[in-house]
C-alpha atoms as a PDB file:
ATOM      1  CA  MET A   1     117.542  96.024 132.718  1.00  0.00           C
ATOM      2  CA  GLU A   2     113.444  96.488 131.254  1.00  0.00           C
ATOM      3  CA  ARG A   3     112.547  93.884 128.930  1.00  0.00           C
ATOM      4  CA  THR A   4     110.562  94.798 126.023  1.00  0.00           C
ATOM      5  CA  ASN A   5     108.831  92.978 123.205  1.00  0.00           C
ATOM      6  CA  ALA A   6     108.736  96.345 121.102  1.00  0.00           C
ATOM      7  CA  GLN A   7     109.869  95.375 117.071  1.00  0.00           C
ATOM      8  CA  PRO A   8     112.892  97.351 115.867  1.00  0.00           C
ATOM      9  CA  ALA A   9     111.839 100.178 113.251  1.00  0.00           C
ATOM     10  CA  ALA A  10     111.914  99.901 110.135  1.00  0.00           C
ATOM     11  CA  SER A  11     114.743 101.251 107.912  1.00  0.00           C
ATOM     12  CA  PRO A  12     113.879 104.810 106.563  1.00  0.00           C
ATOM     13  CA  TRP A  13     113.167 104.627 102.345  1.00  0.00           C
ATOM     14  CA  TRP A  14     116.602 106.795 101.812  1.00  0.00           C
ATOM     15  CA  THR A  15     118.574 103.392 103.454  1.00  0.00           C
ATOM     16  CA  PRO A  16     120.732 102.384 100.986  1.00  0.00           C
ATOM     17  CA  HIS A  17     120.257  98.879 101.268  1.00  0.00           C
ATOM     18  CA  VAL A  18     116.124  99.821 101.100  1.00  0.00           C
ATOM     19  CA  HIS A  19     116.895 102.095  98.115  1.00  0.00           C
ATOM     20  CA  ALA A  20     118.599  99.330  96.442  1.00  0.00           C
ATOM     21  CA  ASP A  21     115.520  96.922  96.299  1.00  0.00           C
ATOM     22  CA  ARG A  22     113.059  99.311  95.392  1.00  0.00           C
ATOM     23  CA  ARG A  23     115.393 101.178  92.621  1.00  0.00           C
ATOM     24  CA  PRO A  24     114.065  98.184  90.048  1.00  0.00           C
ATOM     25  CA  PHE A  25     110.634  98.957  90.880  1.00  0.00           C
ATOM     26  CA  LEU A  26     111.188 102.946  90.639  1.00  0.00           C
ATOM     27  CA  LEU A  27     113.415 102.351  87.235  1.00  0.00           C
ATOM     28  CA  ALA A  28     110.324 100.636  85.619  1.00  0.00           C
ATOM     29  CA  ARG A  29     108.102 102.996  87.091  1.00  0.00           C
ATOM     30  CA  ASN A  30     110.185 105.570  84.618  1.00  0.00           C
ATOM     31  CA  ARG A  31     110.100 103.476  81.564  1.00  0.00           C
ATOM     32  CA  ILE A  32     106.257 102.824  82.033  1.00  0.00           C
ATOM     33  CA  GLN A  33     105.728 106.860  82.811  1.00  0.00           C
ATOM     34  CA  ALA A  34     107.844 107.728  79.299  1.00  0.00           C
ATOM     35  CA  ALA A  35     106.196 105.337  77.077  1.00  0.00           C
ATOM     36  CA  PHE A  36     102.650 106.626  78.440  1.00  0.00           C
ATOM     37  CA  ARG A  37     103.703 110.358  77.436  1.00  0.00           C
ATOM     38  CA  ARG A  38     104.854 109.141  74.299  1.00  0.00           C
ATOM     39  CA  PHE A  39     101.387 107.199  73.882  1.00  0.00           C
ATOM     40  CA  PHE A  40      99.368 110.548  74.460  1.00  0.00           C
ATOM     41  CA  GLU A  41     101.552 112.572  72.181  1.00  0.00           C
ATOM     42  CA  GLU A  42     101.219 109.918  69.329  1.00  0.00           C
ATOM     43  CA  ARG A  43      97.500 110.849  70.062  1.00  0.00           C
ATOM     44  CA  ASP A  44      97.744 114.354  69.771  1.00  0.00           C
ATOM     45  CA  PHE A  45      97.542 114.639  73.427  1.00  0.00           C
ATOM     46  CA  ILE A  46      98.476 117.940  74.919  1.00  0.00           C
ATOM     47  CA  GLU A  47     100.215 117.084  78.593  1.00  0.00           C
ATOM     48  CA  VAL A  48      99.270 120.209  81.050  1.00  0.00           C
ATOM     49  CA  ASP A  49     100.284 120.927  84.170  1.00  0.00           C
ATOM     50  CA  THR A  50      97.858 121.875  86.430  1.00  0.00           C
ATOM     51  CA  ALA A  51      97.673 123.889  90.313  1.00  0.00           C
ATOM     52  CA  THR A  52      97.626 121.777  93.457  1.00  0.00           C
ATOM     53  CA  LEU A  53      96.060 124.603  95.351  1.00  0.00           C
ATOM     54  CA  GLN A  54      92.600 124.455  94.791  1.00  0.00           C
ATOM     55  CA  VAL A  55      89.347 126.619  96.520  1.00  0.00           C
ATOM     56  CA  SER A  56      88.012 123.318  96.582  1.00  0.00           C
ATOM     57  CA  PRO A  57      89.263 120.147  96.625  1.00  0.00           C
ATOM     58  CA  GLY A  58      86.896 118.174  95.119  1.00  0.00           C
ATOM     59  CA  ASN A  59      83.140 117.775  96.375  1.00  0.00           C
ATOM     60  CA  GLU A  60      82.866 113.667  96.697  1.00  0.00           C
ATOM     61  CA  ALA A  61      81.685 112.849 100.143  1.00  0.00           C
ATOM     62  CA  HIS A  62      84.402 109.975 100.782  1.00  0.00           C
ATOM     63  CA  LEU A  63      87.437 111.755  99.879  1.00  0.00           C
ATOM     64  CA  HIS A  64      89.129 113.945 102.788  1.00  0.00           C
ATOM     65  CA  ALA A  65      91.467 116.691 101.857  1.00  0.00           C
ATOM     66  CA  PHE A  66      94.503 118.555 103.317  1.00  0.00           C
ATOM     67  CA  ALA A  67      93.492 121.924 104.302  1.00  0.00           C
ATOM     68  CA  THR A  68      95.548 125.152 104.091  1.00  0.00           C
ATOM     69  CA  GLU A  69      95.405 128.890 103.433  1.00  0.00           C
ATOM     70  CA  ALA A  70      96.959 131.383 101.355  1.00  0.00           C
ATOM     71  CA  VAL A  71      97.990 134.604 103.629  1.00  0.00           C
ATOM     72  CA  GLY A  72      97.753 138.062 101.676  1.00  0.00           C
ATOM     73  CA  MET A  73     100.348 140.947 102.284  1.00  0.00           C
ATOM     74  CA  GLY A  74      97.935 142.409 103.940  1.00  0.00           C
ATOM     75  CA  GLY A  75      97.782 139.108 106.157  1.00  0.00           C
ATOM     76  CA  ALA A  76      94.443 138.074 105.496  1.00  0.00           C
ATOM     77  CA  ALA A  77      93.885 134.374 105.082  1.00  0.00           C
ATOM     78  CA  THR A  78      91.810 132.797 102.357  1.00  0.00           C
ATOM     79  CA  PRO A  79      91.034 129.000 102.581  1.00  0.00           C
ATOM     80  CA  LEU A  80      92.606 126.382 100.019  1.00  0.00           C
ATOM     81  CA  TYR A  81      93.174 122.728  99.561  1.00  0.00           C
ATOM     82  CA  LEU A  82      95.594 120.501  98.063  1.00  0.00           C
ATOM     83  CA  HIS A  83      93.146 119.077  95.324  1.00  0.00           C
ATOM     84  CA  THR A  84      92.353 115.161  95.885  1.00  0.00           C
ATOM     85  CA  SER A  85      92.551 115.154  91.382  1.00  0.00           C
ATOM     86  CA  PRO A  86      93.056 117.740  88.922  1.00  0.00           C
ATOM     87  CA  GLU A  87      89.626 117.126  87.463  1.00  0.00           C
ATOM     88  CA  PHE A  88      87.985 120.497  87.899  1.00  0.00           C
ATOM     89  CA  ALA A  89      90.915 122.282  86.631  1.00  0.00           C
ATOM     90  CA  CYS A  90      91.040 120.095  83.215  1.00  0.00           C
ATOM     91  CA  LYS A  91      87.454 120.632  82.781  1.00  0.00           C
ATOM     92  CA  LYS A  92      88.236 124.099  83.167  1.00  0.00           C
ATOM     93  CA  LEU A  93      90.573 123.899  80.108  1.00  0.00           C
ATOM     94  CA  LEU A  94      88.249 121.532  77.615  1.00  0.00           C
ATOM     95  CA  ALA A  95      86.062 125.025  78.377  1.00  0.00           C
ATOM     96  CA  ALA A  96      89.012 127.271  77.075  1.00  0.00           C
ATOM     97  CA  GLY A  97      89.396 125.266  74.093  1.00  0.00           C
ATOM     98  CA  GLU A  98      91.280 122.103  74.590  1.00  0.00           C
ATOM     99  CA  THR A  99      90.386 119.201  72.907  1.00  0.00           C
ATOM    100  CA  ARG A 100      92.768 115.909  73.764  1.00  0.00           C
ATOM    101  CA  ILE A 101      94.387 116.647  77.263  1.00  0.00           C
ATOM    102  CA  ALA A 102      96.607 114.283  79.214  1.00  0.00           C
ATOM    103  CA  CYS A 103      97.894 115.173  83.124  1.00  0.00           C
ATOM    104  CA  PHE A 104     100.541 113.187  85.443  1.00  0.00           C
ATOM    105  CA  ALA A 105      99.081 114.901  88.948  1.00  0.00           C
ATOM    106  CA  HIS A 106     100.294 115.095  92.198  1.00  0.00           C
ATOM    107  CA  VAL A 107      97.178 114.441  94.498  1.00  0.00           C
ATOM    108  CA  TYR A 108      96.409 114.536  97.791  1.00  0.00           C
ATOM    109  CA  ARG A 109      94.072 112.269  99.790  1.00  0.00           C
ATOM    110  CA  ASN A 110      93.702 112.414 103.589  1.00  0.00           C
ATOM    111  CA  ARG A 111      93.000 109.446 105.556  1.00  0.00           C
ATOM    112  CA  GLU A 112      94.234 107.198 103.347  1.00  0.00           C
ATOM    113  CA  ARG A 113      97.157 104.531 103.841  1.00  0.00           C
ATOM    114  CA  GLY A 114      97.916 101.064 103.492  1.00  0.00           C
ATOM    115  CA  PRO A 115      99.376  98.809 100.829  1.00  0.00           C
ATOM    116  CA  LEU A 116      97.370 100.223  98.028  1.00  0.00           C
ATOM    117  CA  HIS A 117      97.090 103.629  99.573  1.00  0.00           C
ATOM    118  CA  HIS A 118      99.535 106.919 100.147  1.00  0.00           C
ATOM    119  CA  PRO A 119      98.878 110.312 101.575  1.00  0.00           C
ATOM    120  CA  GLU A 120     100.492 112.170  98.401  1.00  0.00           C
ATOM    121  CA  PHE A 121     100.356 109.615  94.584  1.00  0.00           C
ATOM    122  CA  THR A 122     100.233 109.919  91.029  1.00  0.00           C
ATOM    123  CA  MET A 123      96.916 110.119  89.190  1.00  0.00           C
ATOM    124  CA  LEU A 124      97.146 110.169  85.032  1.00  0.00           C
ATOM    125  CA  GLU A 125      94.056 111.788  83.966  1.00  0.00           C
ATOM    126  CA  TRP A 126      92.873 112.609  80.219  1.00  0.00           C
ATOM    127  CA  TYR A 127      90.354 113.843  78.620  1.00  0.00           C
ATOM    128  CA  ARG A 128      88.628 113.873  75.412  1.00  0.00           C
ATOM    129  CA  SER A 129      86.630 116.426  73.361  1.00  0.00           C
ATOM    130  CA  GLY A 130      83.625 115.505  71.642  1.00  0.00           C
ATOM    131  CA  GLU A 131      84.267 111.694  72.185  1.00  0.00           C
ATOM    132  CA  THR A 132      82.511 108.649  73.904  1.00  0.00           C
ATOM    133  CA  TYR A 133      83.819 107.155  76.574  1.00  0.00           C
ATOM    134  CA  GLU A 134      84.654 103.507  74.673  1.00  0.00           C
ATOM    135  CA  ALA A 135      87.128 105.215  73.422  1.00  0.00           C
ATOM    136  CA  LEU A 136      88.349 105.606  76.935  1.00  0.00           C
ATOM    137  CA  MET A 137      88.208 101.674  77.339  1.00  0.00           C
ATOM    138  CA  ARG A 138      90.080 101.316  74.316  1.00  0.00           C
ATOM    139  CA  ASP A 139      92.859 103.454  75.657  1.00  0.00           C
ATOM    140  CA  CYS A 140      92.630 101.487  79.486  1.00  0.00           C
ATOM    141  CA  ALA A 141      93.820  98.332  77.253  1.00  0.00           C
ATOM    142  CA  GLU A 142      96.425  99.868  75.256  1.00  0.00           C
ATOM    143  CA  LEU A 143      97.912 101.030  78.249  1.00  0.00           C
ATOM    144  CA  LEU A 144      97.717  97.670  80.515  1.00  0.00           C
ATOM    145  CA  GLY A 145      99.493  96.285  77.833  1.00  0.00           C
ATOM    146  CA  LEU A 146     102.263  98.987  77.746  1.00  0.00           C
ATOM    147  CA  ALA A 147     102.639  99.159  80.898  1.00  0.00           C
ATOM    148  CA  ALA A 148     103.717  94.991  81.009  1.00  0.00           C
ATOM    149  CA  GLU A 149     105.666  95.563  78.212  1.00  0.00           C
ATOM    150  CA  LYS A 150     107.984  98.695  79.379  1.00  0.00           C
ATOM    151  CA  ALA A 151     108.300  96.508  82.596  1.00  0.00           C
ATOM    152  CA  GLY A 152     109.363  93.057  80.899  1.00  0.00           C
ATOM    153  CA  THR A 153     106.705  91.105  81.697  1.00  0.00           C
ATOM    154  CA  ARG A 154     103.635  88.861  80.351  1.00  0.00           C
ATOM    155  CA  THR A 155     101.313  89.569  83.348  1.00  0.00           C
ATOM    156  CA  LEU A 156     100.386  91.442  85.971  1.00  0.00           C
ATOM    157  CA  THR A 157     100.201  90.591  89.803  1.00  0.00           C
ATOM    158  CA  TYR A 158      99.225  91.358  93.153  1.00  0.00           C
ATOM    159  CA  ARG A 159      98.890  89.103  96.127  1.00  0.00           C
ATOM    160  CA  GLY A 160      98.906  85.711  94.007  1.00  0.00           C
ATOM    161  CA  ARG A 161      96.334  87.097  91.114  1.00  0.00           C
ATOM    162  CA  THR A 162      97.445  87.639  87.798  1.00  0.00           C
ATOM    163  CA  VAL A 163      96.187  89.171  84.570  1.00  0.00           C
ATOM    164  CA  ASP A 164      97.062  89.199  80.982  1.00  0.00           C
ATOM    165  CA  PRO A 165      97.045  92.951  79.801  1.00  0.00           C
ATOM    166  CA  PHE A 166      97.179  91.758  76.405  1.00  0.00           C
ATOM    167  CA  GLU A 167      93.877  90.221  76.414  1.00  0.00           C
ATOM    168  CA  GLU A 168      90.765  92.329  76.228  1.00  0.00           C
ATOM    169  CA  PRO A 169      89.219  93.382  78.618  1.00  0.00           C
ATOM    170  CA  GLU A 170      85.915  92.026  80.135  1.00  0.00           C
ATOM    171  CA  ARG A 171      82.897  94.556  80.464  1.00  0.00           C
ATOM    172  CA  LEU A 172      80.172  93.996  82.680  1.00  0.00           C
ATOM    173  CA  SER A 173      77.287  96.324  83.759  1.00  0.00           C
ATOM    174  CA  VAL A 174      77.222  96.973  87.488  1.00  0.00           C
ATOM    175  CA  ALA A 175      73.572  95.778  87.189  1.00  0.00           C
ATOM    176  CA  GLU A 176      74.643  92.386  85.686  1.00  0.00           C
ATOM    177  CA  ALA A 177      77.575  92.188  88.555  1.00  0.00           C
ATOM    178  CA  PHE A 178      75.392  92.303  91.457  1.00  0.00           C
ATOM    179  CA  ARG A 179      72.845  89.519  89.710  1.00  0.00           C
ATOM    180  CA  ARG A 180      76.224  87.514  88.900  1.00  0.00           C
ATOM    181  CA  TYR A 181      77.707  87.545  91.889  1.00  0.00           C
ATOM    182  CA  ALA A 182      75.099  88.324  94.569  1.00  0.00           C
ATOM    183  CA  SER A 183      71.372  87.291  93.214  1.00  0.00           C
ATOM    184  CA  ILE A 184      70.565  90.965  93.493  1.00  0.00           C
ATOM    185  CA  ASP A 185      68.047  92.525  91.142  1.00  0.00           C
ATOM    186  CA  LEU A 186      69.994  96.350  91.470  1.00  0.00           C
ATOM    187  CA  LEU A 187      68.169  98.216  89.125  1.00  0.00           C
ATOM    188  CA  ALA A 188      64.822  97.147  91.169  1.00  0.00           C
ATOM    189  CA  SER A 189      65.889  99.319  93.593  1.00  0.00           C
ATOM    190  CA  ILE A 190      66.216 102.656  91.416  1.00  0.00           C
ATOM    191  CA  ASP A 191      63.253 104.457  89.326  1.00  0.00           C
ATOM    192  CA  ARG A 192      63.190 106.121  86.435  1.00  0.00           C
ATOM    193  CA  SER A 193      64.229 109.726  87.981  1.00  0.00           C
ATOM    194  CA  GLY A 194      67.469 107.801  89.404  1.00  0.00           C
ATOM    195  CA  ALA A 195      66.022 107.657  92.852  1.00  0.00           C
ATOM    196  CA  THR A 196      66.507 104.736  95.153  1.00  0.00           C
ATOM    197  CA  ASP A 197      64.495 102.815  97.429  1.00  0.00           C
ATOM    198  CA  ARG A 198      66.766 102.093 100.504  1.00  0.00           C
ATOM    199  CA  GLU A 199      64.340  99.445 102.090  1.00  0.00           C
ATOM    200  CA  ARG A 200      64.146  97.442  98.586  1.00  0.00           C
ATOM    201  CA  LEU A 201      67.464  97.259  98.426  1.00  0.00           C
ATOM    202  CA  ALA A 202      68.249  96.204 102.404  1.00  0.00           C
ATOM    203  CA  ALA A 203      65.727  93.383 101.635  1.00  0.00           C
ATOM    204  CA  SER A 204      67.381  92.334  98.803  1.00  0.00           C
ATOM    205  CA  LEU A 205      70.582  92.158 100.852  1.00  0.00           C
ATOM    206  CA  GLU A 206      68.777  90.146 103.735  1.00  0.00           C
ATOM    207  CA  GLU A 207      67.777  87.653 101.341  1.00  0.00           C
ATOM    208  CA  ALA A 208      71.559  87.610 100.233  1.00  0.00           C
ATOM    209  CA  GLY A 209      72.498  86.934 103.553  1.00  0.00           C
ATOM    210  CA  LEU A 210      74.309  90.274 103.796  1.00  0.00           C
ATOM    211  CA  ARG A 211      74.300  92.379 106.870  1.00  0.00           C
ATOM    212  CA  VAL A 212      72.433  95.135 106.968  1.00  0.00           C
ATOM    213  CA  ALA A 213      72.449  97.655 109.924  1.00  0.00           C
ATOM    214  CA  ALA A 214      69.309 100.122 110.664  1.00  0.00           C
ATOM    215  CA  ASP A 215      71.116 103.143 109.787  1.00  0.00           C
ATOM    216  CA  ASP A 216      72.820 102.193 106.742  1.00  0.00           C
ATOM    217  CA  THR A 217      71.669 104.327 103.471  1.00  0.00           C
ATOM    218  CA  TRP A 218      70.847 102.880 100.468  1.00  0.00           C
ATOM    219  CA  ALA A 219      74.809 103.960  99.227  1.00  0.00           C
ATOM    220  CA  ASP A 220      76.027 101.998 102.134  1.00  0.00           C
ATOM    221  CA  LEU A 221      74.402  98.863 101.309  1.00  0.00           C
ATOM    222  CA  PHE A 222      75.213  99.612  97.178  1.00  0.00           C
ATOM    223  CA  SER A 223      79.423  99.739  98.619  1.00  0.00           C
ATOM    224  CA  ARG A 224      78.781  96.457 101.088  1.00  0.00           C
ATOM    225  CA  VAL A 225      77.718  94.485  97.724  1.00  0.00           C
ATOM    226  CA  ILE A 226      80.433  96.209  95.526  1.00  0.00           C
ATOM    227  CA  VAL A 227      83.207  95.530  98.304  1.00  0.00           C
ATOM    228  CA  GLU A 228      82.219  91.949  99.564  1.00  0.00           C
ATOM    229  CA  LYS A 229      80.111  90.255  96.716  1.00  0.00           C
ATOM    230  CA  VAL A 230      81.948  91.963  93.601  1.00  0.00           C
ATOM    231  CA  GLU A 231      85.006  93.246  93.778  1.00  0.00           C
ATOM    232  CA  PRO A 232      86.576  89.869  94.762  1.00  0.00           C
ATOM    233  CA  HIS A 233      85.362  88.582  91.032  1.00  0.00           C
ATOM    234  CA  LEU A 234      86.760  91.612  89.185  1.00  0.00           C
ATOM    235  CA  GLY A 235      89.770  91.430  86.893  1.00  0.00           C
ATOM    236  CA  LEU A 236      90.924  87.858  87.420  1.00  0.00           C
ATOM    237  CA  GLU A 237      92.972  86.556  84.473  1.00  0.00           C
ATOM    238  CA  ARG A 238      92.181  89.598  81.958  1.00  0.00           C
ATOM    239  CA  ALA A 239      90.908  93.122  83.186  1.00  0.00           C
ATOM    240  CA  THR A 240      87.313  93.621  84.037  1.00  0.00           C
ATOM    241  CA  ILE A 241      85.457  97.162  82.865  1.00  0.00           C
ATOM    242  CA  LEU A 242      82.602  97.665  85.753  1.00  0.00           C
ATOM    243  CA  ASP A 243      80.257  99.850  83.572  1.00  0.00           C
ATOM    244  CA  GLU A 244      77.068 101.559  83.964  1.00  0.00           C
ATOM    245  CA  TYR A 245      76.762 102.717  87.555  1.00  0.00           C
ATOM    246  CA  PRO A 246      73.674 103.930  89.144  1.00  0.00           C
ATOM    247  CA  VAL A 247      73.098 107.541  88.811  1.00  0.00           C
ATOM    248  CA  ALA A 248      73.235 108.107  92.330  1.00  0.00           C
ATOM    249  CA  GLU A 249      76.856 106.810  92.480  1.00  0.00           C
ATOM    250  CA  ALA A 250      78.290 108.740  89.844  1.00  0.00           C
ATOM    251  CA  ALA A 251      78.169 112.515  90.601  1.00  0.00           C
ATOM    252  CA  LEU A 252      80.485 113.684  87.921  1.00  0.00           C
ATOM    253  CA  ALA A 253      78.655 111.720  84.839  1.00  0.00           C
ATOM    254  CA  ARG A 254      76.068 111.801  82.424  1.00  0.00           C
ATOM    255  CA  PRO A 255      73.192 109.841  82.576  1.00  0.00           C
ATOM    256  CA  ALA A 256      73.086 107.011  80.156  1.00  0.00           C
ATOM    257  CA  SER A 257      70.863 107.385  76.984  1.00  0.00           C
ATOM    258  CA  GLY A 258      69.602 103.822  77.087  1.00  0.00           C
ATOM    259  CA  ASP A 259      68.805 103.766  80.854  1.00  0.00           C
ATOM    260  CA  GLN A 260      68.382 106.780  82.896  1.00  0.00           C
ATOM    261  CA  ARG A 261      68.401 104.655  85.800  1.00  0.00           C
ATOM    262  CA  VAL A 262      72.585 104.441  85.123  1.00  0.00           C
ATOM    263  CA  ALA A 263      75.243 106.611  84.156  1.00  0.00           C
ATOM    264  CA  GLU A 264      78.014 106.847  81.774  1.00  0.00           C
ATOM    265  CA  ARG A 265      80.643 105.641  84.526  1.00  0.00           C
ATOM    266  CA  PHE A 266      82.965 102.640  84.336  1.00  0.00           C
ATOM    267  CA  GLU A 267      85.926 101.734  86.804  1.00  0.00           C
ATOM    268  CA  LEU A 268      88.791  99.220  85.555  1.00  0.00           C
ATOM    269  CA  TYR A 269      89.747  96.347  87.584  1.00  0.00           C
ATOM    270  CA  ALA A 270      92.703  94.006  87.043  1.00  0.00           C
ATOM    271  CA  CYS A 271      93.762  91.945  89.797  1.00  0.00           C
ATOM    272  CA  GLY A 272      91.105  92.596  92.245  1.00  0.00           C
ATOM    273  CA  VAL A 273      92.316  95.875  92.230  1.00  0.00           C
ATOM    274  CA  GLU A 274      90.698  99.400  91.260  1.00  0.00           C
ATOM    275  CA  LEU A 275      92.771 101.154  88.500  1.00  0.00           C
ATOM    276  CA  ALA A 276      91.053 103.900  86.809  1.00  0.00           C
ATOM    277  CA  ASN A 277      87.605 105.592  87.059  1.00  0.00           C
ATOM    278  CA  ALA A 278      86.188 107.019  83.776  1.00  0.00           C
ATOM    279  CA  PHE A 279      83.109 109.334  83.149  1.00  0.00           C
ATOM    280  CA  GLY A 280      80.935 110.222  80.174  1.00  0.00           C
ATOM    281  CA  GLU A 281      80.967 114.078  81.487  1.00  0.00           C
ATOM    282  CA  LEU A 282      78.375 115.835  82.980  1.00  0.00           C
ATOM    283  CA  THR A 283      78.192 119.227  81.465  1.00  0.00           C
ATOM    284  CA  ASP A 284      74.805 120.475  82.877  1.00  0.00           C
ATOM    285  CA  PRO A 285      75.930 122.858  85.978  1.00  0.00           C
ATOM    286  CA  ALA A 286      72.299 122.741  87.871  1.00  0.00           C
ATOM    287  CA  GLU A 287      72.477 119.027  87.609  1.00  0.00           C
ATOM    288  CA  GLN A 288      76.268 119.060  88.857  1.00  0.00           C
ATOM    289  CA  ARG A 289      75.558 121.949  91.555  1.00  0.00           C
ATOM    290  CA  ARG A 290      72.551 119.860  92.701  1.00  0.00           C
ATOM    291  CA  ARG A 291      74.850 116.373  92.527  1.00  0.00           C
ATOM    292  CA  PHE A 292      77.356 118.376  94.691  1.00  0.00           C
ATOM    293  CA  GLN A 293      75.340 119.699  97.494  1.00  0.00           C
ATOM    294  CA  ALA A 294      73.959 116.219  98.104  1.00  0.00           C
ATOM    295  CA  GLU A 295      77.461 114.822  98.599  1.00  0.00           C
ATOM    296  CA  MET A 296      78.557 117.743 100.874  1.00  0.00           C
ATOM    297  CA  ALA A 297      75.182 117.361 103.091  1.00  0.00           C
ATOM    298  CA  GLU A 298      75.846 113.529 103.161  1.00  0.00           C
ATOM    299  CA  LYS A 299      79.688 114.236 103.902  1.00  0.00           C
ATOM    300  CA  MET A 300      78.390 116.488 106.679  1.00  0.00           C
ATOM    301  CA  ARG A 301      76.159 114.092 108.004  1.00  0.00           C
ATOM    302  CA  VAL A 302      78.804 110.766 107.843  1.00  0.00           C
ATOM    303  CA  TYR A 303      81.926 113.475 108.946  1.00  0.00           C
ATOM    304  CA  GLY A 304      80.728 116.860 110.295  1.00  0.00           C
ATOM    305  CA  GLU A 305      82.483 118.994 107.812  1.00  0.00           C
ATOM    306  CA  SER A 306      82.139 119.520 103.922  1.00  0.00           C
ATOM    307  CA  TYR A 307      84.348 121.686 101.282  1.00  0.00           C
ATOM    308  CA  PRO A 308      83.182 124.517  99.461  1.00  0.00           C
ATOM    309  CA  LEU A 309      82.098 124.495  95.779  1.00  0.00           C
ATOM    310  CA  ASP A 310      83.988 125.511  92.800  1.00  0.00           C
ATOM    311  CA  GLU A 311      82.030 128.091  91.719  1.00  0.00           C
ATOM    312  CA  ASP A 312      84.378 128.506  88.940  1.00  0.00           C
ATOM    313  CA  PHE A 313      84.168 125.290  87.650  1.00  0.00           C
ATOM    314  CA  LEU A 314      80.710 125.200  87.437  1.00  0.00           C
ATOM    315  CA  ALA A 315      80.231 128.153  85.466  1.00  0.00           C
ATOM    316  CA  ALA A 316      82.589 126.585  83.139  1.00  0.00           C
ATOM    317  CA  LEU A 317      80.692 123.765  82.853  1.00  0.00           C
ATOM    318  CA  THR A 318      78.609 126.425  80.748  1.00  0.00           C
ATOM    319  CA  LEU A 319      81.100 126.150  77.735  1.00  0.00           C
ATOM    320  CA  MET A 320      82.571 122.615  78.548  1.00  0.00           C
ATOM    321  CA  PRO A 321      81.654 120.698  75.250  1.00  0.00           C
ATOM    322  CA  GLN A 322      80.683 116.734  75.693  1.00  0.00           C
ATOM    323  CA  ALA A 323      83.718 114.749  76.393  1.00  0.00           C
ATOM    324  CA  SER A 324      84.758 111.525  78.112  1.00  0.00           C
ATOM    325  CA  GLY A 325      87.589 111.648  80.879  1.00  0.00           C
ATOM    326  CA  ILE A 326      89.211 108.939  83.192  1.00  0.00           C
ATOM    327  CA  ALA A 327      91.713 108.905  86.283  1.00  0.00           C
ATOM    328  CA  LEU A 328      94.536 106.224  86.561  1.00  0.00           C
ATOM    329  CA  GLY A 329      96.081 105.515  89.627  1.00  0.00           C
ATOM    330  CA  PHE A 330      99.626 105.293  88.262  1.00  0.00           C
ATOM    331  CA  ASP A 331     101.169 103.716  90.913  1.00  0.00           C
ATOM    332  CA  ARG A 332      99.075 101.064  91.407  1.00  0.00           C
ATOM    333  CA  LEU A 333      99.306 100.147  87.861  1.00  0.00           C
ATOM    334  CA  VAL A 334     103.000 100.322  88.093  1.00  0.00           C
ATOM    335  CA  MET A 335     102.346  98.019  91.333  1.00  0.00           C
ATOM    336  CA  LEU A 336     100.989  95.537  89.252  1.00  0.00           C
ATOM    337  CA  ALA A 337     103.581  95.357  86.333  1.00  0.00           C
ATOM    338  CA  THR A 338     106.587  95.479  88.274  1.00  0.00           C
ATOM    339  CA  GLY A 339     105.117  93.058  91.093  1.00  0.00           C
ATOM    340  CA  ALA A 340     105.136  95.200  93.736  1.00  0.00           C
ATOM    341  CA  SER A 341     103.358  94.257  97.101  1.00  0.00           C
ATOM    342  CA  ARG A 342     103.213  97.871  98.306  1.00  0.00           C
ATOM    343  CA  ILE A 343     102.697 101.431  97.168  1.00  0.00           C
ATOM    344  CA  ASP A 344     105.445 102.871  98.870  1.00  0.00           C
ATOM    345  CA  GLN A 345     107.968 100.499  97.088  1.00  0.00           C
ATOM    346  CA  VAL A 346     106.529 102.156  93.922  1.00  0.00           C
ATOM    347  CA  ILE A 347     107.376 105.747  94.862  1.00  0.00           C
ATOM    348  CA  TRP A 348     110.402 107.475  94.446  1.00  0.00           C
ATOM    349  CA  ALA A 349     110.291 109.279  97.962  1.00  0.00           C
ATOM    350  CA  PRO A 350     107.144 108.097 100.116  1.00  0.00           C
ATOM    351  CA  VAL A 351     105.812 110.650 103.081  1.00  0.00           C
ATOM    352  CA  ALA A 352     106.862 109.079 106.405  1.00  0.00           C
ATOM    353  CA  GLU A 353     104.630 107.298 108.355  1.00  0.00           C
ATOM    354  CA  THR A 354     102.380 109.109 111.051  1.00  0.00           C
ATOM    355  CA  ALA A 355     101.305 108.057 113.923  1.00  0.00           C
ATOM    356  CA  PRO A 356      97.885 106.684 113.884  1.00  0.00           C
END
């Protein structure tokens, strides 16, 4: 008889004994989601439900979409995509006159699978018309504590790291994080217009002992410092709000009033995990178009593909008021609140694994 070293396949999620192990996480998920809905309702938010199918899935260079098509009665096909975020639709609703909206949306991202990534997951987005993004920081602080409370815990945990969700988050600029954790002067590589200097940043990385490849762009170097030097220090003991990203790394955010080199963008971290991405929203359609075109040119350079622009979205920006908005990975927050080790433990019906 032929011998094999193959391991037996893991039982699927719908196997009763596997479901029994997952069920406490899932019930906690429901409690957290219900509490979050009450949180927004008490603050006069309207919950909205946006379409998944869009003419553009989003225009960020390193996000990958699922493509499909709509076939008309006459047989003609129109390309469509599953959205990577409900952001475009939500901003159109702000243009239509809504002022405070929240959305639990199933979103789809291709080429993503792992302990913290799933091809279909739940994004919680909310928007405040006429309010600054500091209001979103306060929302985040309250929601972290609420998630822990509904999960019956006093700490958020992931892979041995813990955070006190009831303590005020640390607020740290990206430039200060580069100085503190990598001894790099990030802003020295950005001029007053927001343009970046690849060679200057490369020299700083080499001085810090970080790898620099000949074909690395400024954005590649920036990401390397974030991943290797900065992120391991974020969201330990208390949450971190990493604030004031360079304009070149904030395609949908408006420039900061005090320094045009950086933008009104922050990310929320807990236990070293990125939970949310927030903006003081850009409402200049010409500038937004320019940034989207630059992102799609980079996507074509790196991956050999690009996505169309949503012309309705760009038109809606002419009517959209000043606003702040945020996208929070709801499943990830549930993971941290429940102590789950993998995202599929907190999703009721995970997508089946596919071959590599």
